[in-house]
C-alpha atoms as a PDB file:
ATOM      1  CA  UNK A   1      34.326  88.743  82.242  1.00  0.00           C
ATOM      2  CA  UNK A   2      33.964  92.401  83.209  1.00  0.00           C
ATOM      3  CA  UNK A   3      35.990  94.264  85.847  1.00  0.00           C
ATOM      4  CA  UNK A   4      34.210  97.096  87.665  1.00  0.00           C
ATOM      5  CA  UNK A   5      35.372  99.788  90.034  1.00  0.00           C
ATOM      6  CA  UNK A   6      34.647 103.286  91.226  1.00  0.00           C
ATOM      7  CA  UNK A   7      37.259 104.143  93.862  1.00  0.00           C
ATOM      8  CA  UNK A   8      40.128 101.850  92.753  1.00  0.00           C
ATOM      9  CA  UNK A   9      40.150 102.504  89.010  1.00  0.00           C
ATOM     10  CA  UNK A  10      43.920 102.303  88.212  1.00  0.00           C
ATOM     11  CA  UNK A  11      44.220  98.892  89.883  1.00  0.00           C
ATOM     12  CA  UNK A  12      40.984  97.683  88.293  1.00  0.00           C
ATOM     13  CA  UNK A  13      42.156  98.689  84.816  1.00  0.00           C
ATOM     14  CA  UNK A  14      45.443  96.843  85.267  1.00  0.00           C
ATOM     15  CA  UNK A  15      43.659  93.727  86.512  1.00  0.00           C
ATOM     16  CA  UNK A  16      41.296  93.860  83.520  1.00  0.00           C
ATOM     17  CA  UNK A  17      44.248  94.185  81.157  1.00  0.00           C
ATOM     18  CA  UNK A  18      45.995  91.150  82.634  1.00  0.00           C
ATOM     19  CA  UNK A  19      42.776  89.124  82.576  1.00  0.00           C
ATOM     20  CA  UNK A  20      42.071  90.299  79.009  1.00  0.00           C
ATOM     21  CA  UNK A  21      38.702  91.440  80.283  1.00  0.00           C
ATOM     22  CA  UNK A  22      36.611  94.541  79.754  1.00  0.00           C
ATOM     23  CA  UNK A  23      36.792  97.375  82.289  1.00  0.00           C
ATOM     24  CA  UNK A  24      33.731  99.412  83.148  1.00  0.00           C
ATOM     25  CA  UNK A  25      33.403 102.206  85.673  1.00  0.00           C
ATOM     26  CA  UNK A  26      30.514 101.945  88.107  1.00  0.00           C
ATOM     27  CA  UNK A  27      28.171 104.897  87.941  1.00  0.00           C
ATOM     28  CA  UNK A  28      27.869 106.274  91.460  1.00  0.00           C
ATOM     29  CA  UNK A  29      26.291 109.564  92.444  1.00  0.00           C
ATOM     30  CA  UNK A  30      25.713 111.091  95.842  1.00  0.00           C
ATOM     31  CA  UNK A  31      22.443 112.712  96.856  1.00  0.00           C
ATOM     32  CA  UNK A  32      22.353 115.826  99.070  1.00  0.00           C
ATOM     33  CA  UNK A  33      21.426 113.727 102.104  1.00  0.00           C
ATOM     34  CA  UNK A  34      24.523 111.532 101.642  1.00  0.00           C
ATOM     35  CA  UNK A  35      22.788 108.486 100.129  1.00  0.00           C
ATOM     36  CA  UNK A  36      24.227 106.973  96.961  1.00  0.00           C
ATOM     37  CA  UNK A  37      22.872 106.101  93.538  1.00  0.00           C
ATOM     38  CA  UNK A  38      24.602 103.131  91.903  1.00  0.00           C
ATOM     39  CA  UNK A  39      24.251 101.697  88.414  1.00  0.00           C
ATOM     40  CA  UNK A  40      25.965  99.119  86.192  1.00  0.00           C
ATOM     41  CA  UNK A  41      26.189 100.222  82.575  1.00  0.00           C
ATOM     42  CA  UNK A  42      26.848  96.712  81.227  1.00  0.00           C
ATOM     43  CA  UNK A  43      24.705  93.619  80.771  1.00  0.00           C
ATOM     44  CA  UNK A  44      25.778  91.232  83.550  1.00  0.00           C
ATOM     45  CA  UNK A  45      23.578  88.238  82.776  1.00  0.00           C
ATOM     46  CA  UNK A  46      25.575  84.971  82.921  1.00  0.00           C
ATOM     47  CA  UNK A  47      28.885  86.850  83.177  1.00  0.00           C
ATOM     48  CA  UNK A  48      31.669  86.542  85.725  1.00  0.00           C
ATOM     49  CA  UNK A  49      32.367  89.973  87.176  1.00  0.00           C
ATOM     50  CA  UNK A  50      35.100  91.400  89.376  1.00  0.00           C
ATOM     51  CA  UNK A  51      34.419  94.332  91.687  1.00  0.00           C
ATOM     52  CA  UNK A  52      37.608  96.114  92.767  1.00  0.00           C
ATOM     53  CA  UNK A  53      37.014  98.134  95.915  1.00  0.00           C
ATOM     54  CA  UNK A  54      39.557  99.021  98.559  1.00  0.00           C
ATOM     55  CA  UNK A  55      38.227 100.002 101.981  1.00  0.00           C
ATOM     56  CA  UNK A  56      41.192 102.139 102.997  1.00  0.00           C
ATOM     57  CA  UNK A  57      40.260 105.789 102.615  1.00  0.00           C
ATOM     58  CA  UNK A  58      36.581 106.094 103.576  1.00  0.00           C
ATOM     59  CA  UNK A  59      35.676 102.602 104.777  1.00  0.00           C
ATOM     60  CA  UNK A  60      32.071 103.278 105.761  1.00  0.00           C
ATOM     61  CA  UNK A  61      31.199 104.798 102.382  1.00  0.00           C
ATOM     62  CA  UNK A  62      33.235 102.239 100.436  1.00  0.00           C
ATOM     63  CA  UNK A  63      31.638  99.298 102.269  1.00  0.00           C
ATOM     64  CA  UNK A  64      28.166 100.505 101.271  1.00  0.00           C
ATOM     65  CA  UNK A  65      29.319 100.815  97.650  1.00  0.00           C
ATOM     66  CA  UNK A  66      30.758  97.289  97.761  1.00  0.00           C
ATOM     67  CA  UNK A  67      27.629  95.769  99.304  1.00  0.00           C
ATOM     68  CA  UNK A  68      25.231  97.600  96.983  1.00  0.00           C
ATOM     69  CA  UNK A  69      27.215  96.739  93.857  1.00  0.00           C
ATOM     70  CA  UNK A  70      27.629  93.069  94.811  1.00  0.00           C
ATOM     71  CA  UNK A  71      23.968  92.449  95.532  1.00  0.00           C
ATOM     72  CA  UNK A  72      22.864  94.451  92.486  1.00  0.00           C
ATOM     73  CA  UNK A  73      25.150  92.332  90.303  1.00  0.00           C
ATOM     74  CA  UNK A  74      23.519  89.166  91.629  1.00  0.00           C
ATOM     75  CA  UNK A  75      20.060  90.617  91.020  1.00  0.00           C
ATOM     76  CA  UNK A  76      21.170  91.348  87.443  1.00  0.00           C
ATOM     77  CA  UNK A  77      22.011  87.624  87.154  1.00  0.00           C
ATOM     78  CA  UNK A  78      25.788  87.787  87.133  1.00  0.00           C
ATOM     79  CA  UNK A  79      27.151  84.239  87.227  1.00  0.00           C
ATOM     80  CA  UNK A  80      29.930  84.913  89.720  1.00  0.00           C
ATOM     81  CA  UNK A  81      30.747  88.033  91.724  1.00  0.00           C
ATOM     82  CA  UNK A  82      34.395  88.249  92.790  1.00  0.00           C
ATOM     83  CA  UNK A  83      35.427  90.984  95.212  1.00  0.00           C
ATOM     84  CA  UNK A  84      38.976  92.311  95.042  1.00  0.00           C
ATOM     85  CA  UNK A  85      39.503  94.209  98.297  1.00  0.00           C
ATOM     86  CA  UNK A  86      43.177  95.256  98.573  1.00  0.00           C
ATOM     87  CA  UNK A  87      42.628  96.638 102.073  1.00  0.00           C
ATOM     88  CA  UNK A  88      39.918  94.884 104.103  1.00  0.00           C
ATOM     89  CA  UNK A  89      38.780  97.254 106.831  1.00  0.00           C
ATOM     90  CA  UNK A  90      37.402  96.468 110.290  1.00  0.00           C
ATOM     91  CA  UNK A  91      39.706  93.512 110.932  1.00  0.00           C
ATOM     92  CA  UNK A  92      41.345  95.043 114.033  1.00  0.00           C
ATOM     93  CA  UNK A  93      38.354  94.620 116.366  1.00  0.00           C
ATOM     94  CA  UNK A  94      38.484  90.832 116.612  1.00  0.00           C
ATOM     95  CA  UNK A  95      37.406  90.455 120.233  1.00  0.00           C
ATOM     96  CA  UNK A  96      34.959  92.020 122.644  1.00  0.00           C
ATOM     97  CA  UNK A  97      37.009  93.580 125.453  1.00  0.00           C
ATOM     98  CA  UNK A  98      34.112  95.261 127.215  1.00  0.00           C
ATOM     99  CA  UNK A  99      30.527  94.133 127.564  1.00  0.00           C
ATOM    100  CA  UNK A 100      28.427  95.197 124.581  1.00  0.00           C
ATOM    101  CA  UNK A 101      31.293  95.840 122.131  1.00  0.00           C
ATOM    102  CA  UNK A 102      30.878  95.090 118.434  1.00  0.00           C
ATOM    103  CA  UNK A 103      33.312  92.517 116.992  1.00  0.00           C
ATOM    104  CA  UNK A 104      33.583  94.050 113.525  1.00  0.00           C
ATOM    105  CA  UNK A 105      36.052  91.443 112.226  1.00  0.00           C
ATOM    106  CA  UNK A 106      33.265  88.874 112.316  1.00  0.00           C
ATOM    107  CA  UNK A 107      30.412  91.094 111.156  1.00  0.00           C
ATOM    108  CA  UNK A 108      31.872  92.549 107.945  1.00  0.00           C
ATOM    109  CA  UNK A 109      32.554  89.111 106.367  1.00  0.00           C
ATOM    110  CA  UNK A 110      28.930  88.125 107.044  1.00  0.00           C
ATOM    111  CA  UNK A 111      27.695  91.303 105.356  1.00  0.00           C
ATOM    112  CA  UNK A 112      29.887  90.674 102.299  1.00  0.00           C
ATOM    113  CA  UNK A 113      28.677  87.073 102.020  1.00  0.00           C
ATOM    114  CA  UNK A 114      25.026  88.083 102.428  1.00  0.00           C
ATOM    115  CA  UNK A 115      25.299  90.310  99.356  1.00  0.00           C
ATOM    116  CA  UNK A 116      26.165  87.428  97.032  1.00  0.00           C
ATOM    117  CA  UNK A 117      29.957  87.645  96.777  1.00  0.00           C
ATOM    118  CA  UNK A 118      31.328  84.276  95.641  1.00  0.00           C
ATOM    119  CA  UNK A 119      34.991  84.820  96.556  1.00  0.00           C
ATOM    120  CA  UNK A 120      37.157  87.497  98.170  1.00  0.00           C
ATOM    121  CA  UNK A 121      40.716  88.420  97.164  1.00  0.00           C
ATOM    122  CA  UNK A 122      42.676  90.634  99.541  1.00  0.00           C
ATOM    123  CA  UNK A 123      46.246  91.385 100.568  1.00  0.00           C
ATOM    124  CA  UNK A 124      47.449  89.532 103.630  1.00  0.00           C
ATOM    125  CA  UNK A 125      46.761  91.184 106.956  1.00  0.00           C
ATOM    126  CA  UNK A 126      48.542  91.281 110.285  1.00  0.00           C
ATOM    127  CA  UNK A 127      45.711  89.453 112.004  1.00  0.00           C
ATOM    128  CA  UNK A 128      45.780  88.997 115.757  1.00  0.00           C
ATOM    129  CA  UNK A 129      43.481  86.487 117.419  1.00  0.00           C
ATOM    130  CA  UNK A 130      41.896  85.400 114.148  1.00  0.00           C
ATOM    131  CA  UNK A 131      44.698  83.444 112.524  1.00  0.00           C
ATOM    132  CA  UNK A 132      43.195  83.355 109.028  1.00  0.00           C
ATOM    133  CA  UNK A 133      40.368  85.096 107.191  1.00  0.00           C
ATOM    134  CA  UNK A 134      39.013  81.643 106.370  1.00  0.00           C
ATOM    135  CA  UNK A 135      37.947  81.533 110.030  1.00  0.00           C
ATOM    136  CA  UNK A 136      35.482  84.397 109.504  1.00  0.00           C
ATOM    137  CA  UNK A 137      34.478  83.829 105.867  1.00  0.00           C
ATOM    138  CA  UNK A 138      32.493  80.795 104.724  1.00  0.00           C
ATOM    139  CA  UNK A 139      33.157  81.606 101.045  1.00  0.00           C
ATOM    140  CA  UNK A 140      36.597  81.194  99.419  1.00  0.00           C
ATOM    141  CA  UNK A 141      38.939  83.962 100.576  1.00  0.00           C
ATOM    142  CA  UNK A 142      42.470  84.436  99.274  1.00  0.00           C
ATOM    143  CA  UNK A 143      44.998  86.322 101.385  1.00  0.00           C
ATOM    144  CA  UNK A 144      47.620  87.320  98.846  1.00  0.00           C
ATOM    145  CA  UNK A 145      51.142  88.585  99.407  1.00  0.00           C
ATOM    146  CA  UNK A 146      52.670  91.605  97.667  1.00  0.00           C
ATOM    147  CA  UNK A 147      55.953  91.609  99.596  1.00  0.00           C
ATOM    148  CA  UNK A 148      57.922  90.919  96.418  1.00  0.00           C
ATOM    149  CA  UNK A 149      56.324  93.885  94.633  1.00  0.00           C
ATOM    150  CA  UNK A 150      57.001  96.228  97.557  1.00  0.00           C
ATOM    151  CA  UNK A 151      60.596  95.042  97.864  1.00  0.00           C
ATOM    152  CA  UNK A 152      61.226  95.582  94.145  1.00  0.00           C
ATOM    153  CA  UNK A 153      59.651  99.041  94.324  1.00  0.00           C
ATOM    154  CA  UNK A 154      61.845 100.062  97.252  1.00  0.00           C
ATOM    155  CA  UNK A 155      65.018  98.785  95.608  1.00  0.00           C
ATOM    156  CA  UNK A 156      64.193 100.533  92.349  1.00  0.00           C
ATOM    157  CA  UNK A 157      63.197 103.885  93.810  1.00  0.00           C
ATOM    158  CA  UNK A 158      65.027 104.274  97.111  1.00  0.00           C
ATOM    159  CA  UNK A 159      67.604 101.649  97.911  1.00  0.00           C
ATOM    160  CA  UNK A 160      70.606 100.029  96.279  1.00  0.00           C
ATOM    161  CA  UNK A 161      70.847  97.287  98.864  1.00  0.00           C
ATOM    162  CA  UNK A 162      68.819  94.179  99.425  1.00  0.00           C
ATOM    163  CA  UNK A 163      65.697  94.744 101.450  1.00  0.00           C
ATOM    164  CA  UNK A 164      62.948  92.623 102.895  1.00  0.00           C
ATOM    165  CA  UNK A 165      59.416  93.754 103.684  1.00  0.00           C
ATOM    166  CA  UNK A 166      58.315  92.659 107.124  1.00  0.00           C
ATOM    167  CA  UNK A 167      54.793  94.117 107.005  1.00  0.00           C
ATOM    168  CA  UNK A 168      52.315  94.986 104.259  1.00  0.00           C
ATOM    169  CA  UNK A 169      49.753  96.398 106.656  1.00  0.00           C
ATOM    170  CA  UNK A 170      50.122  99.962 105.331  1.00  0.00           C
ATOM    171  CA  UNK A 171      50.464  99.130 101.647  1.00  0.00           C
ATOM    172  CA  UNK A 172      47.385 101.122 100.687  1.00  0.00           C
ATOM    173  CA  UNK A 173      48.539 104.369 102.225  1.00  0.00           C
ATOM    174  CA  UNK A 174      52.331 104.287 101.912  1.00  0.00           C
ATOM    175  CA  UNK A 175      52.860 102.205  98.772  1.00  0.00           C
ATOM    176  CA  UNK A 176      49.817 103.082  96.680  1.00  0.00           C
ATOM    177  CA  UNK A 177      51.925 103.421  93.500  1.00  0.00           C
ATOM    178  CA  UNK A 178      52.927  99.765  93.543  1.00  0.00           C
ATOM    179  CA  UNK A 179      51.214  97.670  90.881  1.00  0.00           C
ATOM    180  CA  UNK A 180      49.781  94.569  92.540  1.00  0.00           C
ATOM    181  CA  UNK A 181      47.454  93.707  89.665  1.00  0.00           C
ATOM    182  CA  UNK A 182      49.476  90.612  88.726  1.00  0.00           C
ATOM    183  CA  UNK A 183      48.993  89.220  92.240  1.00  0.00           C
ATOM    184  CA  UNK A 184      45.227  89.564  91.999  1.00  0.00           C
ATOM    185  CA  UNK A 185      44.799  88.550  88.359  1.00  0.00           C
ATOM    186  CA  UNK A 186      46.829  85.355  88.844  1.00  0.00           C
ATOM    187  CA  UNK A 187      44.710  84.333  91.835  1.00  0.00           C
ATOM    188  CA  UNK A 188      41.484  85.095  89.965  1.00  0.00           C
ATOM    189  CA  UNK A 189      42.596  82.948  87.018  1.00  0.00           C
ATOM    190  CA  UNK A 190      43.388  80.048  89.324  1.00  0.00           C
ATOM    191  CA  UNK A 191      40.031  80.351  91.064  1.00  0.00           C
ATOM    192  CA  UNK A 192      38.012  80.493  87.839  1.00  0.00           C
ATOM    193  CA  UNK A 193      39.848  77.566  86.266  1.00  0.00           C
ATOM    194  CA  UNK A 194      39.389  75.551  89.467  1.00  0.00           C
ATOM    195  CA  UNK A 195      43.080  74.718  89.711  1.00  0.00           C
ATOM    196  CA  UNK A 196      44.262  73.710  93.171  1.00  0.00           C
ATOM    197  CA  UNK A 197      45.219  76.691  95.315  1.00  0.00           C
ATOM    198  CA  UNK A 198      48.276  76.034  97.425  1.00  0.00           C
ATOM    199  CA  UNK A 199      49.226  77.830 100.567  1.00  0.00           C
ATOM    200  CA  UNK A 200      49.988  81.494  99.952  1.00  0.00           C
ATOM    201  CA  UNK A 201      53.683  81.237 100.834  1.00  0.00           C
ATOM    202  CA  UNK A 202      54.058  78.646  98.081  1.00  0.00           C
ATOM    203  CA  UNK A 203      52.095  80.651  95.540  1.00  0.00           C
ATOM    204  CA  UNK A 204      53.853  83.991  95.792  1.00  0.00           C
END
């Protein structure tokens, strides 16, 4: 197994360490006109690979990187392509309110699937009308909780009283120092070993 990333390197390295896998940085360059050049430096044939790519800071650019890298990995004959997406963008627009509006929450999953991703691992979202990401993905998708990690971080760094996290919606921007690699690596191990996945509240 090889773990790749370009924009989420610290998390990717920690996931690779916990999976006892190799980490490799994606080679990405930007041309003057804004287009990107992307290259894998490793041999992917018959290997399971993990692409770690959050879509929090520059979602449009990061989505293109995710799609290009996923499809390229499949073309290079990777056995499985697993996408770790801590923050999954474009989930807010889940309904067309005015005639002609784009429902991005249904389109992005289709794009990800069309590029050969076998499974998606993301942190749980405050979804609205779509009750679960499994309603918009046809591939396995794991909505993981990091409430325990955030709570421990707050108690260690700011508070001396018990605290409970009621929302992880802003984890990428406000709690970016929290290590959630164990959450992702555990789920990836379960998926690859084909062990039964229970409901998320039971798992974490």
